[in-house]
Amino acid sequence: MTPKEKDRIMAEFAAHKIDVLVATSVVEVGVSVANATNIIIEGAERFGLAQLHQLRGRVIRGTHQPYCFAVTASKSDKTRDRLKALATAKNGFELAEHDLTFRGAGELYGQKQSGLSDLGMEAIKNLKLVEAARTEARHLVATHPDLPRHFPLIAERVARLGEVLHME
């Protein structure tokens, strides 16, 4: 569909001229239709918990009772446990904790998004360690504005990370 056609269909759906909308998961982006009350997610095992949570959120906009049906052909224990977490989690943060437990942390930076975590991901779970590192980094930058001259290895590492990471 063209963007113009999509806008027309969404306007008709919001105006209740269309009562059933069949869409890909793209429907999660920016859709807020108060009279949408049901969503059926086919192949729910193929989505991450965060995306399922976002899709479910498309029908929790108005005053009517919403329903979310996560449909899967999978009979695996893993799928059942993930969907049970979706049904029982009280909010997105709790769901994110379930997802971390089910999938693993992945890498702090790099390609791997799940599985056994790297040392960096394990370290950020330790809040005291994170705070100590932040304090030390602030002190280092404040006392050595010419970082490359005093600490060339740190400066080189930061420069290499800057090539592959988007620092904000």
N, C-alpha and C. Protein backbone atom coordinates (compact mmCIF):
# COMPACT_ATOMS: atom_id res chain seq x y z
N MET A 1 0.84 -1.19 0.00
CA MET A 1 0.00 0.00 0.00
C MET A 1 0.88 1.25 0.00
N THR A 2 0.38 2.27 -0.61
CA THR A 2 1.10 3.54 -0.58
C THR A 2 0.86 4.21 0.77
N PRO A 3 1.70 5.12 1.18
CA PRO A 3 1.46 5.84 2.43
C PRO A 3 0.08 6.52 2.47
N LYS A 4 -0.33 7.03 1.35
CA LYS A 4 -1.65 7.69 1.28
C LYS A 4 -2.78 6.69 1.52
N GLU A 5 -2.64 5.49 0.93
CA GLU A 5 -3.65 4.45 1.14
C GLU A 5 -3.67 4.00 2.61
N LYS A 6 -2.48 3.85 3.21
CA LYS A 6 -2.40 3.45 4.62
C LYS A 6 -3.09 4.48 5.50
N ASP A 7 -2.83 5.76 5.24
CA ASP A 7 -3.45 6.82 6.04
C ASP A 7 -4.97 6.79 5.91
N ARG A 8 -5.45 6.55 4.68
CA ARG A 8 -6.91 6.49 4.45
C ARG A 8 -7.52 5.32 5.22
N ILE A 9 -6.89 4.15 5.14
CA ILE A 9 -7.40 2.96 5.82
C ILE A 9 -7.41 3.17 7.33
N MET A 10 -6.32 3.72 7.87
CA MET A 10 -6.26 3.95 9.32
C MET A 10 -7.31 4.96 9.76
N ALA A 11 -7.57 5.99 8.95
CA ALA A 11 -8.60 6.97 9.27
C ALA A 11 -9.98 6.30 9.27
N GLU A 12 -10.22 5.42 8.30
CA GLU A 12 -11.50 4.70 8.25
C GLU A 12 -11.64 3.75 9.43
N PHE A 13 -10.55 3.12 9.82
CA PHE A 13 -10.57 2.23 10.98
C PHE A 13 -10.87 3.02 12.25
N ALA A 14 -10.21 4.15 12.42
CA ALA A 14 -10.44 4.99 13.60
C ALA A 14 -11.86 5.53 13.63
N ALA A 15 -12.45 5.81 12.45
CA ALA A 15 -13.81 6.34 12.36
C ALA A 15 -14.86 5.24 12.42
N HIS A 16 -14.43 4.00 12.59
CA HIS A 16 -15.32 2.84 12.70
C HIS A 16 -16.03 2.53 11.39
N LYS A 17 -15.47 2.98 10.25
CA LYS A 17 -16.00 2.62 8.95
C LYS A 17 -15.49 1.23 8.55
N ILE A 18 -14.35 0.84 9.12
CA ILE A 18 -13.79 -0.49 8.97
C ILE A 18 -13.67 -1.07 10.38
N ASP A 19 -14.20 -2.28 10.57
CA ASP A 19 -14.18 -2.87 11.90
C ASP A 19 -13.08 -3.90 12.10
N VAL A 20 -12.51 -4.42 11.02
CA VAL A 20 -11.45 -5.42 11.12
C VAL A 20 -10.28 -4.95 10.27
N LEU A 21 -9.12 -4.91 10.88
CA LEU A 21 -7.90 -4.52 10.19
C LEU A 21 -6.93 -5.68 10.24
N VAL A 22 -6.47 -6.14 9.08
CA VAL A 22 -5.48 -7.20 9.00
C VAL A 22 -4.18 -6.54 8.57
N ALA A 23 -3.14 -6.73 9.37
CA ALA A 23 -1.89 -6.02 9.09
C ALA A 23 -0.70 -6.84 9.53
N THR A 24 0.47 -6.42 9.08
CA THR A 24 1.72 -7.00 9.56
C THR A 24 2.04 -6.32 10.88
N SER A 25 3.16 -6.69 11.48
CA SER A 25 3.55 -6.09 12.76
C SER A 25 3.88 -4.62 12.65
N VAL A 26 3.96 -4.09 11.44
CA VAL A 26 4.18 -2.66 11.24
C VAL A 26 3.07 -1.85 11.90
N VAL A 27 1.92 -2.46 12.10
CA VAL A 27 0.78 -1.76 12.69
C VAL A 27 1.12 -1.22 14.08
N GLU A 28 2.17 -1.78 14.72
CA GLU A 28 2.52 -1.32 16.07
C GLU A 28 3.05 0.10 16.07
N VAL A 29 3.60 0.57 14.96
CA VAL A 29 4.28 1.86 14.93
C VAL A 29 3.28 3.00 14.82
N GLY A 30 3.12 3.75 15.88
CA GLY A 30 2.34 4.98 15.86
C GLY A 30 0.84 4.82 15.76
N VAL A 31 0.30 3.64 15.98
CA VAL A 31 -1.13 3.44 15.85
C VAL A 31 -1.80 3.64 17.21
N SER A 32 -2.76 4.53 17.23
CA SER A 32 -3.51 4.78 18.46
C SER A 32 -4.97 4.97 18.09
N VAL A 33 -5.73 3.89 18.12
CA VAL A 33 -7.14 3.91 17.76
C VAL A 33 -7.93 3.50 19.00
N ALA A 34 -8.63 4.43 19.58
CA ALA A 34 -9.31 4.20 20.86
C ALA A 34 -10.36 3.09 20.78
N ASN A 35 -11.01 2.92 19.62
CA ASN A 35 -12.06 1.91 19.55
C ASN A 35 -11.54 0.52 19.17
N ALA A 36 -10.23 0.35 19.05
CA ALA A 36 -9.65 -0.97 18.79
C ALA A 36 -9.68 -1.76 20.09
N THR A 37 -10.34 -2.90 20.07
CA THR A 37 -10.50 -3.66 21.31
C THR A 37 -9.93 -5.06 21.26
N ASN A 38 -9.62 -5.58 20.09
CA ASN A 38 -9.11 -6.95 19.96
C ASN A 38 -7.90 -6.96 19.05
N ILE A 39 -6.93 -7.77 19.41
CA ILE A 39 -5.80 -8.01 18.52
C ILE A 39 -5.49 -9.50 18.59
N ILE A 40 -5.29 -10.08 17.41
CA ILE A 40 -4.90 -11.48 17.30
C ILE A 40 -3.52 -11.48 16.68
N ILE A 41 -2.55 -12.00 17.40
CA ILE A 41 -1.17 -12.03 16.94
C ILE A 41 -0.84 -13.47 16.54
N GLU A 42 -0.77 -13.71 15.24
CA GLU A 42 -0.42 -15.04 14.75
C GLU A 42 1.09 -15.22 14.77
N GLY A 43 1.53 -16.44 15.04
CA GLY A 43 2.96 -16.72 15.09
C GLY A 43 3.64 -16.00 16.23
N ALA A 44 2.97 -15.94 17.37
CA ALA A 44 3.46 -15.18 18.52
C ALA A 44 4.85 -15.62 18.97
N GLU A 45 5.21 -16.87 18.68
CA GLU A 45 6.54 -17.36 19.10
C GLU A 45 7.67 -16.68 18.33
N ARG A 46 7.35 -16.03 17.21
CA ARG A 46 8.38 -15.38 16.39
C ARG A 46 8.71 -13.96 16.86
N PHE A 47 7.97 -13.45 17.82
CA PHE A 47 8.17 -12.09 18.30
C PHE A 47 8.84 -12.11 19.67
N GLY A 48 9.62 -11.07 19.95
CA GLY A 48 10.17 -10.90 21.28
C GLY A 48 9.08 -10.43 22.23
N LEU A 49 9.30 -10.60 23.51
CA LEU A 49 8.30 -10.18 24.50
C LEU A 49 8.02 -8.68 24.43
N ALA A 50 9.05 -7.88 24.18
CA ALA A 50 8.84 -6.44 24.09
C ALA A 50 7.92 -6.09 22.92
N GLN A 51 8.13 -6.75 21.78
CA GLN A 51 7.28 -6.46 20.62
C GLN A 51 5.86 -6.96 20.86
N LEU A 52 5.71 -8.11 21.49
CA LEU A 52 4.36 -8.58 21.82
C LEU A 52 3.65 -7.60 22.75
N HIS A 53 4.40 -7.07 23.71
CA HIS A 53 3.86 -6.08 24.64
C HIS A 53 3.41 -4.82 23.87
N GLN A 54 4.22 -4.39 22.92
CA GLN A 54 3.87 -3.22 22.11
C GLN A 54 2.63 -3.49 21.26
N LEU A 55 2.57 -4.66 20.65
CA LEU A 55 1.39 -5.00 19.84
C LEU A 55 0.14 -5.06 20.70
N ARG A 56 0.25 -5.67 21.85
CA ARG A 56 -0.88 -5.75 22.79
C ARG A 56 -1.35 -4.35 23.18
N GLY A 57 -0.40 -3.43 23.28
CA GLY A 57 -0.73 -2.06 23.66
C GLY A 57 -1.60 -1.32 22.64
N ARG A 58 -1.71 -1.85 21.42
CA ARG A 58 -2.56 -1.21 20.41
C ARG A 58 -4.03 -1.26 20.80
N VAL A 59 -4.43 -2.19 21.66
CA VAL A 59 -5.85 -2.32 22.03
C VAL A 59 -6.13 -1.88 23.46
N ILE A 60 -5.18 -1.23 24.09
CA ILE A 60 -5.40 -0.76 25.46
C ILE A 60 -5.41 0.76 25.43
N ARG A 61 -6.20 1.32 24.55
CA ARG A 61 -6.21 2.76 24.32
C ARG A 61 -7.51 3.43 24.75
N GLY A 62 -8.62 2.70 24.70
CA GLY A 62 -9.91 3.32 24.95
C GLY A 62 -10.53 2.87 26.26
N THR A 63 -11.84 3.03 26.34
CA THR A 63 -12.57 2.70 27.56
C THR A 63 -13.19 1.32 27.51
N HIS A 64 -13.14 0.67 26.34
CA HIS A 64 -13.74 -0.66 26.19
C HIS A 64 -12.76 -1.75 26.62
N GLN A 65 -13.30 -2.88 27.05
CA GLN A 65 -12.47 -4.02 27.48
C GLN A 65 -11.62 -4.50 26.31
N PRO A 66 -10.29 -4.50 26.47
CA PRO A 66 -9.43 -4.99 25.39
C PRO A 66 -9.13 -6.48 25.55
N TYR A 67 -8.84 -7.13 24.41
CA TYR A 67 -8.46 -8.53 24.42
C TYR A 67 -7.29 -8.72 23.47
N CYS A 68 -6.31 -9.50 23.91
CA CYS A 68 -5.15 -9.83 23.10
C CYS A 68 -5.04 -11.35 23.03
N PHE A 69 -5.03 -11.87 21.81
CA PHE A 69 -4.90 -13.31 21.60
C PHE A 69 -3.55 -13.56 20.92
N ALA A 70 -2.64 -14.19 21.63
CA ALA A 70 -1.32 -14.52 21.09
C ALA A 70 -1.39 -15.98 20.65
N VAL A 71 -1.42 -16.20 19.35
CA VAL A 71 -1.64 -17.52 18.78
C VAL A 71 -0.31 -18.12 18.32
N THR A 72 -0.11 -19.39 18.65
CA THR A 72 1.11 -20.07 18.22
C THR A 72 0.82 -21.52 17.93
N ALA A 73 1.52 -22.06 16.96
CA ALA A 73 1.42 -23.49 16.67
C ALA A 73 2.46 -24.27 17.48
N SER A 74 3.39 -23.56 18.09
CA SER A 74 4.46 -24.20 18.86
C SER A 74 3.91 -24.80 20.15
N LYS A 75 4.40 -25.96 20.47
CA LYS A 75 4.01 -26.62 21.71
C LYS A 75 5.17 -26.68 22.69
N SER A 76 6.23 -25.92 22.42
CA SER A 76 7.43 -26.00 23.26
C SER A 76 7.19 -25.33 24.61
N ASP A 77 7.89 -25.84 25.60
CA ASP A 77 7.81 -25.27 26.95
C ASP A 77 8.29 -23.83 26.95
N LYS A 78 9.32 -23.55 26.16
CA LYS A 78 9.87 -22.20 26.10
C LYS A 78 8.81 -21.21 25.61
N THR A 79 8.10 -21.55 24.55
CA THR A 79 7.05 -20.68 24.03
C THR A 79 5.95 -20.51 25.06
N ARG A 80 5.53 -21.60 25.67
CA ARG A 80 4.48 -21.54 26.69
C ARG A 80 4.89 -20.62 27.85
N ASP A 81 6.14 -20.75 28.31
CA ASP A 81 6.62 -19.92 29.42
C ASP A 81 6.67 -18.45 29.04
N ARG A 82 7.13 -18.15 27.81
CA ARG A 82 7.21 -16.76 27.36
C ARG A 82 5.82 -16.13 27.27
N LEU A 83 4.86 -16.88 26.71
CA LEU A 83 3.51 -16.33 26.58
C LEU A 83 2.81 -16.22 27.93
N LYS A 84 3.16 -17.11 28.85
CA LYS A 84 2.63 -17.00 30.21
C LYS A 84 3.15 -15.72 30.86
N ALA A 85 4.43 -15.40 30.63
CA ALA A 85 5.00 -14.15 31.15
C ALA A 85 4.28 -12.95 30.55
N LEU A 86 3.96 -13.01 29.27
CA LEU A 86 3.22 -11.92 28.63
C LEU A 86 1.86 -11.73 29.30
N ALA A 87 1.22 -12.83 29.63
CA ALA A 87 -0.11 -12.77 30.24
C ALA A 87 -0.08 -12.30 31.69
N THR A 88 1.01 -12.57 32.40
CA THR A 88 1.02 -12.28 33.84
C THR A 88 1.80 -11.03 34.24
N ALA A 89 2.67 -10.54 33.37
CA ALA A 89 3.49 -9.37 33.72
C ALA A 89 2.58 -8.14 33.90
N LYS A 90 2.88 -7.36 34.92
CA LYS A 90 2.07 -6.19 35.24
C LYS A 90 2.46 -4.96 34.41
N ASN A 91 3.71 -4.96 33.89
CA ASN A 91 4.18 -3.80 33.11
C ASN A 91 5.35 -4.22 32.23
N GLY A 92 5.81 -3.28 31.41
CA GLY A 92 6.89 -3.55 30.49
C GLY A 92 8.21 -3.86 31.17
N PHE A 93 8.45 -3.25 32.34
CA PHE A 93 9.70 -3.51 33.05
C PHE A 93 9.76 -4.96 33.53
N GLU A 94 8.65 -5.44 34.07
CA GLU A 94 8.59 -6.83 34.53
C GLU A 94 8.76 -7.78 33.35
N LEU A 95 8.17 -7.41 32.22
CA LEU A 95 8.29 -8.22 31.02
C LEU A 95 9.73 -8.24 30.52
N ALA A 96 10.42 -7.11 30.62
CA ALA A 96 11.82 -7.04 30.21
C ALA A 96 12.68 -7.96 31.09
N GLU A 97 12.36 -8.05 32.38
CA GLU A 97 13.10 -8.96 33.26
C GLU A 97 12.87 -10.41 32.86
N HIS A 98 11.63 -10.74 32.51
CA HIS A 98 11.34 -12.10 32.02
C HIS A 98 12.14 -12.38 30.75
N ASP A 99 12.16 -11.41 29.83
CA ASP A 99 12.87 -11.57 28.57
C ASP A 99 14.36 -11.79 28.82
N LEU A 100 14.93 -11.05 29.76
CA LEU A 100 16.34 -11.22 30.11
C LEU A 100 16.60 -12.63 30.63
N THR A 101 15.68 -13.13 31.44
CA THR A 101 15.82 -14.49 31.98
C THR A 101 15.71 -15.53 30.87
N PHE A 102 14.73 -15.36 29.97
CA PHE A 102 14.50 -16.35 28.92
C PHE A 102 15.59 -16.35 27.85
N ARG A 103 16.00 -15.16 27.41
CA ARG A 103 16.89 -15.06 26.25
C ARG A 103 18.34 -14.83 26.62
N GLY A 104 18.61 -14.31 27.80
CA GLY A 104 19.98 -13.94 28.14
C GLY A 104 20.23 -12.50 27.70
N ALA A 105 21.33 -11.95 28.14
CA ALA A 105 21.58 -10.53 27.96
C ALA A 105 22.22 -10.17 26.63
N GLY A 106 22.90 -11.08 26.00
CA GLY A 106 23.60 -10.73 24.76
C GLY A 106 24.86 -9.93 25.07
N GLU A 107 25.28 -9.12 24.11
CA GLU A 107 26.50 -8.33 24.25
C GLU A 107 26.16 -6.87 24.53
N LEU A 108 27.02 -6.21 25.28
CA LEU A 108 26.85 -4.79 25.56
C LEU A 108 26.91 -4.00 24.26
N TYR A 109 27.83 -4.37 23.39
CA TYR A 109 27.88 -3.83 22.03
C TYR A 109 28.29 -4.96 21.12
N GLY A 110 27.88 -4.91 19.91
CA GLY A 110 28.18 -5.98 18.98
C GLY A 110 26.93 -6.50 18.33
N GLN A 111 27.00 -7.70 17.79
CA GLN A 111 25.91 -8.27 17.00
C GLN A 111 24.95 -9.15 17.80
N LYS A 112 25.44 -9.79 18.83
CA LYS A 112 24.68 -10.80 19.56
C LYS A 112 23.65 -10.15 20.49
N GLN A 113 22.36 -10.46 20.27
CA GLN A 113 21.31 -9.83 21.05
C GLN A 113 20.70 -10.74 22.10
N SER A 114 21.13 -11.97 22.15
CA SER A 114 20.60 -12.87 23.17
C SER A 114 21.66 -13.93 23.48
N GLY A 115 21.37 -14.76 24.47
CA GLY A 115 22.29 -15.83 24.82
C GLY A 115 23.15 -15.46 26.01
N LEU A 116 24.24 -16.19 26.17
CA LEU A 116 25.14 -15.92 27.28
C LEU A 116 25.71 -14.52 27.13
N SER A 117 25.71 -13.78 28.19
CA SER A 117 26.15 -12.39 28.09
C SER A 117 27.66 -12.26 28.18
N ASP A 118 28.14 -11.14 27.66
CA ASP A 118 29.56 -10.87 27.78
C ASP A 118 29.82 -10.20 29.14
N LEU A 119 31.06 -9.98 29.44
CA LEU A 119 31.44 -9.42 30.74
C LEU A 119 30.81 -8.04 30.96
N GLY A 120 30.72 -7.26 29.89
CA GLY A 120 30.12 -5.92 30.01
C GLY A 120 28.67 -5.97 30.45
N MET A 121 27.90 -6.90 29.89
CA MET A 121 26.49 -7.02 30.27
C MET A 121 26.37 -7.49 31.72
N GLU A 122 27.22 -8.40 32.13
CA GLU A 122 27.20 -8.86 33.51
C GLU A 122 27.56 -7.72 34.46
N ALA A 123 28.53 -6.91 34.06
CA ALA A 123 28.98 -5.80 34.91
C ALA A 123 27.89 -4.76 35.13
N ILE A 124 27.08 -4.48 34.09
CA ILE A 124 26.07 -3.42 34.28
C ILE A 124 24.93 -3.85 35.19
N LYS A 125 24.86 -5.12 35.53
CA LYS A 125 23.86 -5.58 36.50
C LYS A 125 24.27 -5.19 37.92
N ASN A 126 25.56 -4.92 38.12
CA ASN A 126 26.09 -4.56 39.44
C ASN A 126 26.07 -3.04 39.56
N LEU A 127 25.04 -2.50 40.19
CA LEU A 127 24.86 -1.05 40.25
C LEU A 127 25.98 -0.33 40.99
N LYS A 128 26.54 -0.95 42.03
CA LYS A 128 27.65 -0.32 42.75
C LYS A 128 28.88 -0.21 41.85
N LEU A 129 29.13 -1.24 41.06
CA LEU A 129 30.25 -1.22 40.12
C LEU A 129 30.04 -0.14 39.04
N VAL A 130 28.81 -0.04 38.54
CA VAL A 130 28.50 0.97 37.52
C VAL A 130 28.71 2.37 38.09
N GLU A 131 28.25 2.62 39.29
CA GLU A 131 28.42 3.94 39.91
C GLU A 131 29.90 4.25 40.15
N ALA A 132 30.66 3.26 40.61
CA ALA A 132 32.09 3.46 40.83
C ALA A 132 32.80 3.77 39.50
N ALA A 133 32.44 3.08 38.44
CA ALA A 133 33.05 3.33 37.12
C ALA A 133 32.69 4.72 36.62
N ARG A 134 31.44 5.13 36.80
CA ARG A 134 31.00 6.46 36.38
C ARG A 134 31.78 7.55 37.14
N THR A 135 31.91 7.37 38.44
CA THR A 135 32.64 8.34 39.26
C THR A 135 34.09 8.43 38.81
N GLU A 136 34.72 7.29 38.59
CA GLU A 136 36.12 7.26 38.14
C GLU A 136 36.28 7.90 36.77
N ALA A 137 35.36 7.62 35.85
CA ALA A 137 35.44 8.20 34.51
C ALA A 137 35.29 9.73 34.57
N ARG A 138 34.36 10.21 35.37
CA ARG A 138 34.18 11.66 35.51
C ARG A 138 35.44 12.32 36.08
N HIS A 139 36.02 11.68 37.08
CA HIS A 139 37.24 12.20 37.71
C HIS A 139 38.39 12.22 36.70
N LEU A 140 38.52 11.15 35.93
CA LEU A 140 39.58 11.05 34.93
C LEU A 140 39.46 12.15 33.88
N VAL A 141 38.25 12.37 33.39
CA VAL A 141 38.03 13.40 32.36
C VAL A 141 38.24 14.80 32.95
N ALA A 142 37.78 15.01 34.18
CA ALA A 142 37.91 16.34 34.81
C ALA A 142 39.36 16.69 35.12
N THR A 143 40.15 15.70 35.53
CA THR A 143 41.53 15.99 35.92
C THR A 143 42.53 15.88 34.77
N HIS A 144 42.10 15.30 33.66
CA HIS A 144 42.99 15.13 32.50
C HIS A 144 42.26 15.49 31.21
N PRO A 145 42.05 16.79 30.97
CA PRO A 145 41.33 17.19 29.77
C PRO A 145 42.03 16.76 28.48
N ASP A 146 43.33 16.56 28.54
CA ASP A 146 44.09 16.09 27.39
C ASP A 146 44.30 14.58 27.55
N LEU A 147 43.19 13.84 27.50
CA LEU A 147 43.20 12.40 27.76
C LEU A 147 44.19 11.63 26.86
N PRO A 148 44.23 11.89 25.56
CA PRO A 148 45.14 11.10 24.71
C PRO A 148 46.61 11.20 25.11
N ARG A 149 47.01 12.35 25.61
CA ARG A 149 48.43 12.51 25.99
C ARG A 149 48.76 11.72 27.25
N HIS A 150 47.85 11.71 28.22
CA HIS A 150 48.10 11.04 29.50
C HIS A 150 47.75 9.55 29.47
N PHE A 151 46.72 9.20 28.72
CA PHE A 151 46.24 7.82 28.69
C PHE A 151 45.97 7.39 27.24
N PRO A 152 47.02 7.18 26.47
CA PRO A 152 46.84 6.88 25.04
C PRO A 152 46.06 5.59 24.77
N LEU A 153 46.19 4.58 25.60
CA LEU A 153 45.47 3.32 25.37
C LEU A 153 43.96 3.51 25.56
N ILE A 154 43.58 4.25 26.60
CA ILE A 154 42.16 4.54 26.83
C ILE A 154 41.61 5.37 25.67
N ALA A 155 42.36 6.38 25.26
CA ALA A 155 41.92 7.24 24.16
C ALA A 155 41.75 6.45 22.87
N GLU A 156 42.67 5.53 22.61
CA GLU A 156 42.59 4.70 21.40
C GLU A 156 41.35 3.81 21.44
N ARG A 157 41.10 3.22 22.59
CA ARG A 157 39.93 2.33 22.75
C ARG A 157 38.63 3.10 22.56
N VAL A 158 38.53 4.28 23.15
CA VAL A 158 37.33 5.12 23.02
C VAL A 158 37.13 5.51 21.55
N ALA A 159 38.22 5.84 20.86
CA ALA A 159 38.13 6.21 19.44
C ALA A 159 37.61 5.04 18.61
N ARG A 160 38.11 3.83 18.88
CA ARG A 160 37.64 2.65 18.13
C ARG A 160 36.17 2.37 18.41
N LEU A 161 35.75 2.52 19.67
CA LEU A 161 34.34 2.32 19.99
C LEU A 161 33.47 3.35 19.29
N GLY A 162 33.96 4.57 19.20
CA GLY A 162 33.22 5.63 18.52
C GLY A 162 32.97 5.34 17.06
N GLU A 163 33.78 4.48 16.46
CA GLU A 163 33.60 4.10 15.06
C GLU A 163 32.46 3.12 14.87
N VAL A 164 32.17 2.32 15.90
CA VAL A 164 31.15 1.29 15.76
C VAL A 164 29.89 1.54 16.61
N LEU A 165 29.98 2.42 17.58
CA LEU A 165 28.84 2.72 18.43
C LEU A 165 28.34 4.13 18.18
N HIS A 166 27.05 4.31 18.38
CA HIS A 166 26.48 5.66 18.30
C HIS A 166 26.41 6.22 19.71
N MET A 167 27.31 7.12 20.04
CA MET A 167 27.36 7.69 21.39
C MET A 167 26.47 8.94 21.44
N GLU A 168 25.59 8.98 22.42
CA GLU A 168 24.74 10.15 22.59
C GLU A 168 25.10 10.87 23.85
